[in-house]
PDB file of N, CA and C in Angstrom:
ATOM      1  N   MET A   1      -5.890 -25.426 -19.229  1.00  0.00           N
ATOM      2  CA  MET A   1      -5.881 -25.111 -17.826  1.00  0.00           C
ATOM      3  C   MET A   1      -6.118 -23.605 -17.677  1.00  0.00           C
ATOM      4  N   ALA A   2      -7.144 -23.248 -16.959  1.00  0.00           N
ATOM      5  CA  ALA A   2      -7.525 -21.839 -16.792  1.00  0.00           C
ATOM      6  C   ALA A   2      -6.649 -21.153 -15.756  1.00  0.00           C
ATOM      7  N   LEU A   3      -6.502 -19.855 -15.934  1.00  0.00           N
ATOM      8  CA  LEU A   3      -5.777 -19.021 -14.984  1.00  0.00           C
ATOM      9  C   LEU A   3      -6.740 -18.065 -14.308  1.00  0.00           C
ATOM     10  N   VAL A   4      -6.449 -17.749 -13.053  1.00  0.00           N
ATOM     11  CA  VAL A   4      -7.197 -16.755 -12.291  1.00  0.00           C
ATOM     12  C   VAL A   4      -6.215 -15.631 -12.000  1.00  0.00           C
ATOM     13  N   VAL A   5      -6.686 -14.394 -12.138  1.00  0.00           N
ATOM     14  CA  VAL A   5      -5.850 -13.234 -11.867  1.00  0.00           C
ATOM     15  C   VAL A   5      -6.391 -12.528 -10.629  1.00  0.00           C
ATOM     16  N   PHE A   6      -5.534 -12.375  -9.622  1.00  0.00           N
ATOM     17  CA  PHE A   6      -5.877 -11.606  -8.431  1.00  0.00           C
ATOM     18  C   PHE A   6      -5.320 -10.202  -8.614  1.00  0.00           C
ATOM     19  N   ARG A   7      -6.135  -9.205  -8.248  1.00  0.00           N
ATOM     20  CA  ARG A   7      -5.725  -7.809  -8.395  1.00  0.00           C
ATOM     21  C   ARG A   7      -6.049  -7.026  -7.125  1.00  0.00           C
ATOM     22  N   SER A   8      -5.191  -6.052  -6.858  1.00  0.00           N
ATOM     23  CA  SER A   8      -5.415  -5.129  -5.758  1.00  0.00           C
ATOM     24  C   SER A   8      -4.619  -3.870  -6.051  1.00  0.00           C
ATOM     25  N   LYS A   9      -5.124  -2.737  -5.570  1.00  0.00           N
ATOM     26  CA  LYS A   9      -4.378  -1.490  -5.711  1.00  0.00           C
ATOM     27  C   LYS A   9      -3.122  -1.496  -4.848  1.00  0.00           C
ATOM     28  N   ALA A  10      -3.019  -2.461  -3.945  1.00  0.00           N
ATOM     29  CA  ALA A  10      -1.902  -2.521  -3.010  1.00  0.00           C
ATOM     30  C   ALA A  10      -0.719  -3.351  -3.508  1.00  0.00           C
ATOM     31  N   ALA A  11      -0.913  -4.127  -4.591  1.00  0.00           N
ATOM     32  CA  ALA A  11       0.145  -5.049  -5.026  1.00  0.00           C
ATOM     33  C   ALA A  11       0.010  -5.344  -6.516  1.00  0.00           C
ATOM     34  N   ALA A  12       1.046  -5.954  -7.049  1.00  0.00           N
ATOM     35  CA  ALA A  12       1.033  -6.362  -8.456  1.00  0.00           C
ATOM     36  C   ALA A  12       0.061  -7.523  -8.658  1.00  0.00           C
ATOM     37  N   GLU A  13      -0.370  -7.715  -9.893  1.00  0.00           N
ATOM     38  CA  GLU A  13      -1.275  -8.819 -10.215  1.00  0.00           C
ATOM     39  C   GLU A  13      -0.617 -10.161  -9.931  1.00  0.00           C
ATOM     40  N   ILE A  14      -1.448 -11.132  -9.575  1.00  0.00           N
ATOM     41  CA  ILE A  14      -0.989 -12.502  -9.354  1.00  0.00           C
ATOM     42  C   ILE A  14      -1.758 -13.399 -10.312  1.00  0.00           C
ATOM     43  N   PHE A  15      -1.044 -14.196 -11.074  1.00  0.00           N
ATOM     44  CA  PHE A  15      -1.655 -15.186 -11.953  1.00  0.00           C
ATOM     45  C   PHE A  15      -1.497 -16.542 -11.295  1.00  0.00           C
ATOM     46  N   MET A  16      -2.607 -17.300 -11.228  1.00  0.00           N
ATOM     47  CA  MET A  16      -2.598 -18.574 -10.516  1.00  0.00           C
ATOM     48  C   MET A  16      -3.470 -19.567 -11.283  1.00  0.00           C
ATOM     49  N   PHE A  17      -3.052 -20.834 -11.303  1.00  0.00           N
ATOM     50  CA  PHE A  17      -3.898 -21.857 -11.901  1.00  0.00           C
ATOM     51  C   PHE A  17      -5.224 -21.915 -11.164  1.00  0.00           C
ATOM     52  N   ALA A  18      -6.301 -22.155 -11.896  1.00  0.00           N
ATOM     53  CA  ALA A  18      -7.652 -22.133 -11.330  1.00  0.00           C
ATOM     54  C   ALA A  18      -7.816 -23.124 -10.177  1.00  0.00           C
ATOM     55  N   GLU A  19      -7.189 -24.297 -10.284  1.00  0.00           N
ATOM     56  CA  GLU A  19      -7.328 -25.305  -9.232  1.00  0.00           C
ATOM     57  C   GLU A  19      -6.733 -24.805  -7.919  1.00  0.00           C
ATOM     58  N   THR A  20      -5.585 -24.159  -8.002  1.00  0.00           N
ATOM     59  CA  THR A  20      -4.946 -23.608  -6.806  1.00  0.00           C
ATOM     60  C   THR A  20      -5.776 -22.463  -6.247  1.00  0.00           C
ATOM     61  N   ALA A  21      -6.217 -21.579  -7.125  1.00  0.00           N
ATOM     62  CA  ALA A  21      -7.038 -20.444  -6.686  1.00  0.00           C
ATOM     63  C   ALA A  21      -8.311 -20.928  -6.008  1.00  0.00           C
ATOM     64  N   GLN A  22      -8.935 -21.948  -6.567  1.00  0.00           N
ATOM     65  CA  GLN A  22     -10.172 -22.472  -5.984  1.00  0.00           C
ATOM     66  C   GLN A  22      -9.918 -22.976  -4.565  1.00  0.00           C
ATOM     67  N   ARG A  23      -8.819 -23.682  -4.365  1.00  0.00           N
ATOM     68  CA  ARG A  23      -8.494 -24.193  -3.024  1.00  0.00           C
ATOM     69  C   ARG A  23      -8.297 -23.044  -2.034  1.00  0.00           C
ATOM     70  N   LEU A  24      -7.573 -22.015  -2.441  1.00  0.00           N
ATOM     71  CA  LEU A  24      -7.322 -20.879  -1.558  1.00  0.00           C
ATOM     72  C   LEU A  24      -8.603 -20.111  -1.271  1.00  0.00           C
ATOM     73  N   LEU A  25      -9.441 -19.943  -2.282  1.00  0.00           N
ATOM     74  CA  LEU A  25     -10.704 -19.232  -2.081  1.00  0.00           C
ATOM     75  C   LEU A  25     -11.635 -20.010  -1.149  1.00  0.00           C
ATOM     76  N   GLN A  26     -11.629 -21.327  -1.255  1.00  0.00           N
ATOM     77  CA  GLN A  26     -12.442 -22.139  -0.343  1.00  0.00           C
ATOM     78  C   GLN A  26     -11.979 -21.949   1.096  1.00  0.00           C
ATOM     79  N   ILE A  27     -10.675 -21.898   1.298  1.00  0.00           N
ATOM     80  CA  ILE A  27     -10.127 -21.717   2.642  1.00  0.00           C
ATOM     81  C   ILE A  27     -10.610 -20.408   3.247  1.00  0.00           C
ATOM     82  N   ILE A  28     -10.674 -19.355   2.435  1.00  0.00           N
ATOM     83  CA  ILE A  28     -11.085 -18.055   2.984  1.00  0.00           C
ATOM     84  C   ILE A  28     -12.596 -17.848   2.924  1.00  0.00           C
ATOM     85  N   GLY A  29     -13.315 -18.885   2.489  1.00  0.00           N
ATOM     86  CA  GLY A  29     -14.774 -18.830   2.514  1.00  0.00           C
ATOM     87  C   GLY A  29     -15.415 -18.123   1.345  1.00  0.00           C
ATOM     88  N   LYS A  30     -14.733 -18.110   0.212  1.00  0.00           N
ATOM     89  CA  LYS A  30     -15.277 -17.475  -0.993  1.00  0.00           C
ATOM     90  C   LYS A  30     -15.523 -18.533  -2.057  1.00  0.00           C
ATOM     91  N   GLN A  31     -16.550 -18.318  -2.841  1.00  0.00           N
ATOM     92  CA  GLN A  31     -16.860 -19.187  -3.968  1.00  0.00           C
ATOM     93  C   GLN A  31     -16.108 -18.689  -5.192  1.00  0.00           C
ATOM     94  N   GLN A  32     -15.454 -19.608  -5.891  1.00  0.00           N
ATOM     95  CA  GLN A  32     -14.778 -19.189  -7.110  1.00  0.00           C
ATOM     96  C   GLN A  32     -15.812 -19.054  -8.209  1.00  0.00           C
ATOM     97  N   GLY A  33     -15.836 -17.901  -8.807  1.00  0.00           N
ATOM     98  CA  GLY A  33     -16.684 -17.648  -9.951  1.00  0.00           C
ATOM     99  C   GLY A  33     -15.836 -16.980 -11.010  1.00  0.00           C
ATOM    100  N   ALA A  34     -16.480 -16.518 -12.050  1.00  0.00           N
ATOM    101  CA  ALA A  34     -15.738 -15.821 -13.093  1.00  0.00           C
ATOM    102  C   ALA A  34     -15.052 -14.584 -12.524  1.00  0.00           C
ATOM    103  N   ARG A  35     -15.695 -13.983 -11.515  1.00  0.00           N
ATOM    104  CA  ARG A  35     -15.142 -12.808 -10.841  1.00  0.00           C
ATOM    105  C   ARG A  35     -15.539 -12.838  -9.379  1.00  0.00           C
ATOM    106  N   GLY A  36     -14.745 -12.160  -8.568  1.00  0.00           N
ATOM    107  CA  GLY A  36     -15.068 -12.114  -7.151  1.00  0.00           C
ATOM    108  C   GLY A  36     -14.362 -10.969  -6.461  1.00  0.00           C
ATOM    109  N   LEU A  37     -14.711 -10.793  -5.198  1.00  0.00           N
ATOM    110  CA  LEU A  37     -14.228  -9.652  -4.441  1.00  0.00           C
ATOM    111  C   LEU A  37     -14.022 -10.025  -2.976  1.00  0.00           C
ATOM    112  N   ILE A  38     -12.904  -9.603  -2.444  1.00  0.00           N
ATOM    113  CA  ILE A  38     -12.669  -9.622  -1.006  1.00  0.00           C
ATOM    114  C   ILE A  38     -12.642  -8.156  -0.611  1.00  0.00           C
ATOM    115  N   ARG A  39     -13.685  -7.721   0.074  1.00  0.00           N
ATOM    116  CA  ARG A  39     -13.770  -6.305   0.457  1.00  0.00           C
ATOM    117  C   ARG A  39     -12.678  -5.959   1.465  1.00  0.00           C
ATOM    118  N   ALA A  40     -12.310  -4.699   1.502  1.00  0.00           N
ATOM    119  CA  ALA A  40     -11.252  -4.238   2.412  1.00  0.00           C
ATOM    120  C   ALA A  40     -11.529  -4.672   3.847  1.00  0.00           C
ATOM    121  N   GLU A  41     -12.797  -4.623   4.254  1.00  0.00           N
ATOM    122  CA  GLU A  41     -13.126  -5.015   5.630  1.00  0.00           C
ATOM    123  C   GLU A  41     -13.079  -6.531   5.837  1.00  0.00           C
ATOM    124  N   GLU A  42     -13.013  -7.330   4.773  1.00  0.00           N
ATOM    125  CA  GLU A  42     -12.921  -8.786   4.863  1.00  0.00           C
ATOM    126  C   GLU A  42     -11.482  -9.294   4.761  1.00  0.00           C
ATOM    127  N   VAL A  43     -10.579  -8.423   4.363  1.00  0.00           N
ATOM    128  CA  VAL A  43      -9.200  -8.833   4.093  1.00  0.00           C
ATOM    129  C   VAL A  43      -8.532  -9.439   5.328  1.00  0.00           C
ATOM    130  N   ALA A  44      -8.677  -8.820   6.485  1.00  0.00           N
ATOM    131  CA  ALA A  44      -8.031  -9.327   7.706  1.00  0.00           C
ATOM    132  C   ALA A  44      -8.507 -10.739   8.034  1.00  0.00           C
ATOM    133  N   ASP A  45      -9.803 -10.992   7.909  1.00  0.00           N
ATOM    134  CA  ASP A  45     -10.335 -12.326   8.189  1.00  0.00           C
ATOM    135  C   ASP A  45      -9.831 -13.331   7.154  1.00  0.00           C
ATOM    136  N   ALA A  46      -9.798 -12.946   5.889  1.00  0.00           N
ATOM    137  CA  ALA A  46      -9.294 -13.832   4.832  1.00  0.00           C
ATOM    138  C   ALA A  46      -7.837 -14.187   5.094  1.00  0.00           C
ATOM    139  N   LEU A  47      -7.051 -13.201   5.472  1.00  0.00           N
ATOM    140  CA  LEU A  47      -5.641 -13.434   5.782  1.00  0.00           C
ATOM    141  C   LEU A  47      -5.506 -14.384   6.970  1.00  0.00           C
ATOM    142  N   HIS A  48      -6.296 -14.169   7.996  1.00  0.00           N
ATOM    143  CA  HIS A  48      -6.280 -15.026   9.180  1.00  0.00           C
ATOM    144  C   HIS A  48      -6.613 -16.473   8.815  1.00  0.00           C
ATOM    145  N   GLN A  49      -7.645 -16.663   7.995  1.00  0.00           N
ATOM    146  CA  GLN A  49      -8.057 -18.011   7.577  1.00  0.00           C
ATOM    147  C   GLN A  49      -6.948 -18.704   6.793  1.00  0.00           C
ATOM    148  N   LEU A  50      -6.346 -17.979   5.879  1.00  0.00           N
ATOM    149  CA  LEU A  50      -5.306 -18.551   5.037  1.00  0.00           C
ATOM    150  C   LEU A  50      -4.064 -18.903   5.853  1.00  0.00           C
ATOM    151  N   LEU A  51      -3.651 -18.013   6.730  1.00  0.00           N
ATOM    152  CA  LEU A  51      -2.488 -18.291   7.578  1.00  0.00           C
ATOM    153  C   LEU A  51      -2.755 -19.468   8.519  1.00  0.00           C
ATOM    154  N   GLY A  52      -3.978 -19.581   9.011  1.00  0.00           N
ATOM    155  CA  GLY A  52      -4.346 -20.712   9.863  1.00  0.00           C
ATOM    156  C   GLY A  52      -4.253 -22.036   9.122  1.00  0.00           C
ATOM    157  N   ALA A  53      -4.702 -22.055   7.882  1.00  0.00           N
ATOM    158  CA  ALA A  53      -4.637 -23.278   7.068  1.00  0.00           C
ATOM    159  C   ALA A  53      -3.188 -23.662   6.778  1.00  0.00           C
ATOM    160  N   VAL A  54      -2.354 -22.674   6.527  1.00  0.00           N
ATOM    161  CA  VAL A  54      -0.928 -22.932   6.285  1.00  0.00           C
ATOM    162  C   VAL A  54      -0.285 -23.533   7.537  1.00  0.00           C
ATOM    163  N   GLU A  55      -0.565 -22.957   8.694  1.00  0.00           N
ATOM    164  CA  GLU A  55      -0.003 -23.469   9.947  1.00  0.00           C
ATOM    165  C   GLU A  55      -0.501 -24.882  10.238  1.00  0.00           C
ATOM    166  N   GLN A  56      -1.764 -25.149   9.942  1.00  0.00           N
ATOM    167  CA  GLN A  56      -2.309 -26.486  10.164  1.00  0.00           C
ATOM    168  C   GLN A  56      -1.613 -27.504   9.270  1.00  0.00           C
ATOM    169  N   GLU A  57      -1.383 -27.146   8.017  1.00  0.00           N
ATOM    170  CA  GLU A  57      -0.685 -28.063   7.115  1.00  0.00           C
ATOM    171  C   GLU A  57       0.740 -28.320   7.605  1.00  0.00           C
ATOM    172  N   LYS A  58       1.418 -27.287   8.081  1.00  0.00           N
ATOM    173  CA  LYS A  58       2.781 -27.467   8.603  1.00  0.00           C
ATOM    174  C   LYS A  58       2.774 -28.435   9.783  1.00  0.00           C
ATOM    175  N   ALA A  59       1.807 -28.289  10.673  1.00  0.00           N
ATOM    176  CA  ALA A  59       1.709 -29.193  11.824  1.00  0.00           C
ATOM    177  C   ALA A  59       1.436 -30.620  11.365  1.00  0.00           C
ATOM    178  N   ASP A  60       0.552 -30.775  10.396  1.00  0.00           N
ATOM    179  CA  ASP A  60       0.237 -32.104   9.866  1.00  0.00           C
ATOM    180  C   ASP A  60       1.469 -32.746   9.231  1.00  0.00           C
ATOM    181  N   LEU A  61       2.255 -31.964   8.498  1.00  0.00           N
ATOM    182  CA  LEU A  61       3.466 -32.488   7.862  1.00  0.00           C
ATOM    183  C   LEU A  61       4.500 -32.905   8.903  1.00  0.00           C
ATOM    184  N   ARG A  62       4.625 -32.124   9.989  1.00  0.00           N
ATOM    185  CA  ARG A  62       5.556 -32.490  11.058  1.00  0.00           C
ATOM    186  C   ARG A  62       5.143 -33.819  11.697  1.00  0.00           C
ATOM    187  N   GLN A  63       3.848 -33.992  11.923  1.00  0.00           N
ATOM    188  CA  GLN A  63       3.356 -35.248  12.499  1.00  0.00           C
ATOM    189  C   GLN A  63       3.611 -36.409  11.550  1.00  0.00           C
ATOM    190  N   GLU A  64       3.389 -36.193  10.272  1.00  0.00           N
ATOM    191  CA  GLU A  64       3.609 -37.248   9.276  1.00  0.00           C
ATOM    192  C   GLU A  64       5.074 -37.661   9.250  1.00  0.00           C
ATOM    193  N   ARG A  65       5.973 -36.686   9.284  1.00  0.00           N
ATOM    194  CA  ARG A  65       7.410 -37.002   9.281  1.00  0.00           C
ATOM    195  C   ARG A  65       7.808 -37.764  10.547  1.00  0.00           C
ATOM    196  N   ALA A  66       7.230 -37.397  11.671  1.00  0.00           N
ATOM    197  CA  ALA A  66       7.559 -38.056  12.936  1.00  0.00           C
ATOM    198  C   ALA A  66       7.084 -39.507  12.945  1.00  0.00           C
ATOM    199  N   ARG A  67       6.001 -39.814  12.246  1.00  0.00           N
ATOM    200  CA  ARG A  67       5.452 -41.178  12.212  1.00  0.00           C
ATOM    201  C   ARG A  67       6.235 -42.094  11.285  1.00  0.00           C
ATOM    202  N   ARG A  68       6.972 -41.543  10.344  1.00  0.00           N
ATOM    203  CA  ARG A  68       7.687 -42.383   9.381  1.00  0.00           C
ATOM    204  C   ARG A  68       8.787 -43.188  10.063  1.00  0.00           C
ATOM    205  N   GLU A  69       9.100 -44.294   9.432  1.00  0.00           N
ATOM    206  CA  GLU A  69      10.230 -45.110   9.886  1.00  0.00           C
ATOM    207  C   GLU A  69      11.524 -44.335   9.633  1.00  0.00           C
ATOM    208  N   PRO A  70      12.570 -44.609  10.397  1.00  0.00           N
ATOM    209  CA  PRO A  70      13.842 -43.894  10.206  1.00  0.00           C
ATOM    210  C   PRO A  70      14.357 -43.942   8.770  1.00  0.00           C
ATOM    211  N   ASP A  71      14.233 -45.085   8.082  1.00  0.00           N
ATOM    212  CA  ASP A  71      14.700 -45.194   6.700  1.00  0.00           C
ATOM    213  C   ASP A  71      13.901 -44.286   5.771  1.00  0.00           C
ATOM    214  N   GLU A  72      12.613 -44.150   6.043  1.00  0.00           N
ATOM    215  CA  GLU A  72      11.764 -43.302   5.205  1.00  0.00           C
ATOM    216  C   GLU A  72      12.089 -41.827   5.405  1.00  0.00           C
ATOM    217  N   ARG A  73      12.474 -41.461   6.631  1.00  0.00           N
ATOM    218  CA  ARG A  73      12.793 -40.054   6.918  1.00  0.00           C
ATOM    219  C   ARG A  73      14.023 -39.588   6.155  1.00  0.00           C
ATOM    220  N   ALA A  74      14.914 -40.501   5.849  1.00  0.00           N
ATOM    221  CA  ALA A  74      16.147 -40.143   5.155  1.00  0.00           C
ATOM    222  C   ALA A  74      15.890 -39.800   3.688  1.00  0.00           C
ATOM    223  N   GLY A  75      14.731 -40.142   3.160  1.00  0.00           N
ATOM    224  CA  GLY A  75      14.429 -39.880   1.752  1.00  0.00           C
ATOM    225  C   GLY A  75      14.859 -41.056   0.901  1.00  0.00           C
ATOM    226  N   ASN A  76      14.597 -40.962  -0.385  1.00  0.00           N
ATOM    227  CA  ASN A  76      14.974 -42.068  -1.250  1.00  0.00           C
ATOM    228  C   ASN A  76      16.310 -41.793  -1.928  1.00  0.00           C
ATOM    229  N   ALA A  77      16.856 -42.807  -2.553  1.00  0.00           N
ATOM    230  CA  ALA A  77      18.177 -42.697  -3.182  1.00  0.00           C
ATOM    231  C   ALA A  77      18.165 -41.785  -4.396  1.00  0.00           C
ATOM    232  N   TYR A  78      17.017 -41.518  -4.952  1.00  0.00           N
ATOM    233  CA  TYR A  78      16.922 -40.706  -6.166  1.00  0.00           C
ATOM    234  C   TYR A  78      16.730 -39.226  -5.874  1.00  0.00           C
ATOM    235  N   GLY A  79      16.668 -38.861  -4.613  1.00  0.00           N
ATOM    236  CA  GLY A  79      16.514 -37.457  -4.259  1.00  0.00           C
ATOM    237  C   GLY A  79      15.191 -36.881  -4.721  1.00  0.00           C
ATOM    238  N   GLU A  80      14.126 -37.638  -4.558  1.00  0.00           N
ATOM    239  CA  GLU A  80      12.796 -37.190  -4.971  1.00  0.00           C
ATOM    240  C   GLU A  80      12.442 -35.882  -4.272  1.00  0.00           C
ATOM    241  N   PRO A  81      12.014 -34.889  -5.032  1.00  0.00           N
ATOM    242  CA  PRO A  81      11.698 -33.594  -4.411  1.00  0.00           C
ATOM    243  C   PRO A  81      10.455 -33.673  -3.533  1.00  0.00           C
ATOM    244  N   ALA A  82      10.421 -32.812  -2.554  1.00  0.00           N
ATOM    245  CA  ALA A  82       9.261 -32.735  -1.672  1.00  0.00           C
ATOM    246  C   ALA A  82       8.087 -32.120  -2.445  1.00  0.00           C
ATOM    247  N   PRO A  83       6.867 -32.491  -2.094  1.00  0.00           N
ATOM    248  CA  PRO A  83       5.715 -31.898  -2.772  1.00  0.00           C
ATOM    249  C   PRO A  83       5.597 -30.408  -2.452  1.00  0.00           C
ATOM    250  N   ILE A  84       4.957 -29.686  -3.345  1.00  0.00           N
ATOM    251  CA  ILE A  84       4.737 -28.258  -3.133  1.00  0.00           C
ATOM    252  C   ILE A  84       3.677 -28.095  -2.047  1.00  0.00           C
ATOM    253  N   THR A  85       3.952 -27.264  -1.068  1.00  0.00           N
ATOM    254  CA  THR A  85       3.058 -27.116   0.078  1.00  0.00           C
ATOM    255  C   THR A  85       2.032 -25.996  -0.148  1.00  0.00           C
ATOM    256  N   LEU A  86       1.040 -26.000   0.700  1.00  0.00           N
ATOM    257  CA  LEU A  86       0.047 -24.931   0.685  1.00  0.00           C
ATOM    258  C   LEU A  86       0.718 -23.586   0.944  1.00  0.00           C
ATOM    259  N   ALA A  87       1.682 -23.562   1.844  1.00  0.00           N
ATOM    260  CA  ALA A  87       2.383 -22.308   2.151  1.00  0.00           C
ATOM    261  C   ALA A  87       3.043 -21.726   0.911  1.00  0.00           C
ATOM    262  N   GLN A  88       3.634 -22.588   0.095  1.00  0.00           N
ATOM    263  CA  GLN A  88       4.287 -22.118  -1.125  1.00  0.00           C
ATOM    264  C   GLN A  88       3.264 -21.596  -2.131  1.00  0.00           C
ATOM    265  N   ARG A  89       2.170 -22.309  -2.269  1.00  0.00           N
ATOM    266  CA  ARG A  89       1.141 -21.890  -3.231  1.00  0.00           C
ATOM    267  C   ARG A  89       0.422 -20.624  -2.771  1.00  0.00           C
ATOM    268  N   ALA A  90       0.224 -20.494  -1.471  1.00  0.00           N
ATOM    269  CA  ALA A  90      -0.534 -19.364  -0.929  1.00  0.00           C
ATOM    270  C   ALA A  90       0.302 -18.106  -0.738  1.00  0.00           C
ATOM    271  N   PHE A  91       1.620 -18.220  -0.735  1.00  0.00           N
ATOM    272  CA  PHE A  91       2.495 -17.096  -0.411  1.00  0.00           C
ATOM    273  C   PHE A  91       2.170 -15.813  -1.184  1.00  0.00           C
ATOM    274  N   PRO A  92       2.019 -15.862  -2.508  1.00  0.00           N
ATOM    275  CA  PRO A  92       1.725 -14.607  -3.221  1.00  0.00           C
ATOM    276  C   PRO A  92       0.417 -13.958  -2.761  1.00  0.00           C
ATOM    277  N   LEU A  93      -0.619 -14.764  -2.559  1.00  0.00           N
ATOM    278  CA  LEU A  93      -1.902 -14.218  -2.119  1.00  0.00           C
ATOM    279  C   LEU A  93      -1.806 -13.693  -0.684  1.00  0.00           C
ATOM    280  N   ILE A  94      -1.069 -14.379   0.159  1.00  0.00           N
ATOM    281  CA  ILE A  94      -0.873 -13.903   1.533  1.00  0.00           C
ATOM    282  C   ILE A  94      -0.210 -12.531   1.514  1.00  0.00           C
ATOM    283  N   GLU A  95       0.812 -12.374   0.699  1.00  0.00           N
ATOM    284  CA  GLU A  95       1.504 -11.083   0.604  1.00  0.00           C
ATOM    285  C   GLU A  95       0.583 -10.000   0.054  1.00  0.00           C
ATOM    286  N   MET A  96      -0.254 -10.351  -0.924  1.00  0.00           N
ATOM    287  CA  MET A  96      -1.205  -9.381  -1.462  1.00  0.00           C
ATOM    288  C   MET A  96      -2.211  -8.979  -0.390  1.00  0.00           C
ATOM    289  N   LEU A  97      -2.704  -9.947   0.360  1.00  0.00           N
ATOM    290  CA  LEU A  97      -3.666  -9.643   1.420  1.00  0.00           C
ATOM    291  C   LEU A  97      -3.040  -8.766   2.504  1.00  0.00           C
ATOM    292  N   ARG A  98      -1.789  -9.021   2.829  1.00  0.00           N
ATOM    293  CA  ARG A  98      -1.104  -8.173   3.817  1.00  0.00           C
ATOM    294  C   ARG A  98      -0.992  -6.738   3.322  1.00  0.00           C
ATOM    295  N   ALA A  99      -0.623  -6.579   2.053  1.00  0.00           N
ATOM    296  CA  ALA A  99      -0.509  -5.235   1.470  1.00  0.00           C
ATOM    297  C   ALA A  99      -1.871  -4.557   1.409  1.00  0.00           C
ATOM    298  N   ALA A 100      -2.905  -5.309   1.038  1.00  0.00           N
ATOM    299  CA  ALA A 100      -4.259  -4.761   0.969  1.00  0.00           C
ATOM    300  C   ALA A 100      -4.749  -4.354   2.353  1.00  0.00           C
ATOM    301  N   GLN A 101      -4.374  -5.123   3.355  1.00  0.00           N
ATOM    302  CA  GLN A 101      -4.759  -4.792   4.732  1.00  0.00           C
ATOM    303  C   GLN A 101      -4.096  -3.485   5.167  1.00  0.00           C
ATOM    304  N   ARG A 102      -2.809  -3.329   4.863  1.00  0.00           N
ATOM    305  CA  ARG A 102      -2.101  -2.104   5.237  1.00  0.00           C
ATOM    306  C   ARG A 102      -2.716  -0.874   4.570  1.00  0.00           C
ATOM    307  N   LYS A 103      -3.114  -1.021   3.302  1.00  0.00           N
ATOM    308  CA  LYS A 103      -3.655   0.125   2.557  1.00  0.00           C
ATOM    309  C   LYS A 103      -5.176   0.211   2.624  1.00  0.00           C
ATOM    310  N   GLN A 104      -5.780  -0.796   3.261  1.00  0.00           N
ATOM    311  CA  GLN A 104      -7.241  -0.856   3.408  1.00  0.00           C
ATOM    312  C   GLN A 104      -7.957  -0.760   2.055  1.00  0.00           C
ATOM    313  N   VAL A 105      -7.583  -1.692   1.156  1.00  0.00           N
ATOM    314  CA  VAL A 105      -8.191  -1.749  -0.173  1.00  0.00           C
ATOM    315  C   VAL A 105      -8.704  -3.153  -0.457  1.00  0.00           C
ATOM    316  N   ASP A 106      -9.540  -3.277  -1.477  1.00  0.00           N
ATOM    317  CA  ASP A 106     -10.118  -4.559  -1.881  1.00  0.00           C
ATOM    318  C   ASP A 106      -9.113  -5.414  -2.646  1.00  0.00           C
ATOM    319  N   VAL A 107      -9.441  -6.712  -2.714  1.00  0.00           N
ATOM    320  CA  VAL A 107      -8.746  -7.655  -3.577  1.00  0.00           C
ATOM    321  C   VAL A 107      -9.823  -8.275  -4.470  1.00  0.00           C
ATOM    322  N   THR A 108      -9.570  -8.311  -5.767  1.00  0.00           N
ATOM    323  CA  THR A 108     -10.526  -8.900  -6.697  1.00  0.00           C
ATOM    324  C   THR A 108      -9.851 -10.046  -7.430  1.00  0.00           C
ATOM    325  N   TRP A 109     -10.680 -10.899  -8.037  1.00  0.00           N
ATOM    326  CA  TRP A 109     -10.129 -11.943  -8.900  1.00  0.00           C
ATOM    327  C   TRP A 109     -11.049 -12.132 -10.082  1.00  0.00           C
ATOM    328  N   GLY A 110     -10.476 -12.653 -11.134  1.00  0.00           N
ATOM    329  CA  GLY A 110     -11.233 -12.931 -12.342  1.00  0.00           C
ATOM    330  C   GLY A 110     -10.500 -13.920 -13.216  1.00  0.00           C
ATOM    331  N   ILE A 111     -11.275 -14.568 -14.063  1.00  0.00           N
ATOM    332  CA  ILE A 111     -10.706 -15.559 -14.981  1.00  0.00           C
ATOM    333  C   ILE A 111     -10.372 -14.882 -16.298  1.00  0.00           C
TER     334      ILE A 111
END
């Protein structure tokens, strides 16, 4: 399983599984390659796109929970954990993008 490393002068490096990174890069309109760049002037738009996708997933999850039968809403007897959400996976990159926006610097990634 490959790892992608996100870097910025504004924050510490982030290591992410390639599958997760690819999903996040698609959301912000970037193609995953061996290397890539989000220019300082693109950071605000990338952050906006990512936050919008997170909010959309939250709304979808709320609708899904509301549609379930009352017994299903209570969960199962085994305490099955909830799936990891986009918000959880995207959080480190969102924080990096926020820091990059404040300092007006690029964000890069590489395998």
